[in-house]
Amino acid sequence: MEKKRFKFVIPVMVIVAIGSVYMLRNYYAEVPDIEQLLITICASLVSGVLAYFLFPQQGENKIDDRGPY
């Protein structure tokens, strides 16, 4: 794995975790604590995986020569 990608992945995961905890505590207080924890962990992991694959790598400027001509 590339360390440059983690420059974006880790902050995305932290922001999602903070937002998840905030929303679950304030708007969905009836959800049990252990399930809130599981939801937060899963949301952070999924967002991290998506960010890892969706953010481009540095220096990757491939020209697509199969464009619509």
C-alpha atoms as a PDB file:
ATOM      1  CA  MET A   1       0.000   0.000   0.000  1.00  0.00           C
ATOM      2  CA  GLU A   2       1.112   3.506  -0.712  1.00  0.00           C
ATOM      3  CA  LYS A   3       1.668   5.947   2.115  1.00  0.00           C
ATOM      4  CA  LYS A   4       0.567   8.873  -0.047  1.00  0.00           C
ATOM      5  CA  ARG A   5      -2.937   7.465  -0.320  1.00  0.00           C
ATOM      6  CA  PHE A   6      -3.246   7.263   3.451  1.00  0.00           C
ATOM      7  CA  LYS A   7      -2.858  11.031   3.548  1.00  0.00           C
ATOM      8  CA  PHE A   8      -6.493  11.133   2.359  1.00  0.00           C
ATOM      9  CA  VAL A   9      -7.842   7.839   3.683  1.00  0.00           C
ATOM     10  CA  ILE A  10      -7.157   8.333   7.398  1.00  0.00           C
ATOM     11  CA  PRO A  11      -8.807  11.785   7.653  1.00  0.00           C
ATOM     12  CA  VAL A  12     -11.860  10.504   5.762  1.00  0.00           C
ATOM     13  CA  MET A  13     -12.196   7.617   8.196  1.00  0.00           C
ATOM     14  CA  VAL A  14     -11.849   9.937  11.204  1.00  0.00           C
ATOM     15  CA  ILE A  15     -14.439  12.389   9.844  1.00  0.00           C
ATOM     16  CA  VAL A  16     -16.892   9.558   9.169  1.00  0.00           C
ATOM     17  CA  ALA A  17     -16.344   8.121  12.656  1.00  0.00           C
ATOM     18  CA  ILE A  18     -16.916  11.492  14.333  1.00  0.00           C
ATOM     19  CA  GLY A  19     -20.019  12.150  12.246  1.00  0.00           C
ATOM     20  CA  SER A  20     -21.332   8.675  12.926  1.00  0.00           C
ATOM     21  CA  VAL A  21     -20.897   8.977  16.685  1.00  0.00           C
ATOM     22  CA  TYR A  22     -22.477  12.441  16.695  1.00  0.00           C
ATOM     23  CA  MET A  23     -25.521  11.367  14.692  1.00  0.00           C
ATOM     24  CA  LEU A  24     -26.035   8.111  16.563  1.00  0.00           C
ATOM     25  CA  ARG A  25     -25.773   9.783  19.980  1.00  0.00           C
ATOM     26  CA  ASN A  26     -28.054  12.726  19.166  1.00  0.00           C
ATOM     27  CA  TYR A  27     -30.637  11.396  16.714  1.00  0.00           C
ATOM     28  CA  TYR A  28     -30.742   7.648  17.375  1.00  0.00           C
ATOM     29  CA  ALA A  29     -30.313   7.334  21.129  1.00  0.00           C
ATOM     30  CA  GLU A  30     -32.566   4.263  21.230  1.00  0.00           C
ATOM     31  CA  VAL A  31     -29.934   2.173  19.414  1.00  0.00           C
ATOM     32  CA  PRO A  32     -27.916   0.128  21.956  1.00  0.00           C
ATOM     33  CA  ASP A  33     -24.344   1.219  22.625  1.00  0.00           C
ATOM     34  CA  ILE A  34     -22.695  -1.925  21.241  1.00  0.00           C
ATOM     35  CA  GLU A  35     -24.599  -1.575  17.976  1.00  0.00           C
ATOM     36  CA  GLN A  36     -23.645   2.094  17.775  1.00  0.00           C
ATOM     37  CA  LEU A  37     -20.022   1.042  18.125  1.00  0.00           C
ATOM     38  CA  LEU A  38     -20.372  -1.608  15.409  1.00  0.00           C
ATOM     39  CA  ILE A  39     -22.091   0.849  13.056  1.00  0.00           C
ATOM     40  CA  THR A  40     -19.325   3.397  13.619  1.00  0.00           C
ATOM     41  CA  ILE A  41     -16.545   0.861  13.006  1.00  0.00           C
ATOM     42  CA  CYS A  42     -18.172  -0.515   9.858  1.00  0.00           C
ATOM     43  CA  ALA A  43     -18.898   2.958   8.477  1.00  0.00           C
ATOM     44  CA  SER A  44     -15.290   4.002   9.050  1.00  0.00           C
ATOM     45  CA  LEU A  45     -13.892   0.891   7.392  1.00  0.00           C
ATOM     46  CA  VAL A  46     -16.188   1.126   4.374  1.00  0.00           C
ATOM     47  CA  SER A  47     -15.412   4.811   3.887  1.00  0.00           C
ATOM     48  CA  GLY A  48     -11.697   4.086   4.183  1.00  0.00           C
ATOM     49  CA  VAL A  49     -11.829   1.351   1.550  1.00  0.00           C
ATOM     50  CA  LEU A  50     -13.857   3.547  -0.799  1.00  0.00           C
ATOM     51  CA  ALA A  51     -11.512   6.490  -0.307  1.00  0.00           C
ATOM     52  CA  TYR A  52      -8.482   4.273  -0.905  1.00  0.00           C
ATOM     53  CA  PHE A  53      -9.756   3.142  -4.285  1.00  0.00           C
ATOM     54  CA  LEU A  54     -11.436   6.368  -5.408  1.00  0.00           C
ATOM     55  CA  PHE A  55      -8.694   8.894  -4.647  1.00  0.00           C
ATOM     56  CA  PRO A  56      -6.074   8.866  -7.412  1.00  0.00           C
ATOM     57  CA  GLN A  57      -2.436   8.137  -6.779  1.00  0.00           C
ATOM     58  CA  GLN A  58       0.079  10.950  -7.029  1.00  0.00           C
ATOM     59  CA  GLY A  59       1.884  10.996 -10.359  1.00  0.00           C
ATOM     60  CA  GLU A  60      -0.619   8.781 -12.101  1.00  0.00           C
ATOM     61  CA  ASN A  61      -1.396  10.724 -15.282  1.00  0.00           C
ATOM     62  CA  LYS A  62      -2.171   8.019 -17.774  1.00  0.00           C
ATOM     63  CA  ILE A  63      -3.474   9.262 -21.096  1.00  0.00           C
ATOM     64  CA  ASP A  64      -6.341   7.246 -22.451  1.00  0.00           C
ATOM     65  CA  ASP A  65      -5.674   6.821 -26.166  1.00  0.00           C
ATOM     66  CA  ARG A  66      -8.929   4.928 -26.703  1.00  0.00           C
ATOM     67  CA  GLY A  67     -11.003   8.093 -26.362  1.00  0.00           C
ATOM     68  CA  PRO A  68     -14.191   8.844 -28.307  1.00  0.00           C
ATOM     69  CA  TYR A  69     -12.859   9.826 -31.736  1.00  0.00           C
END
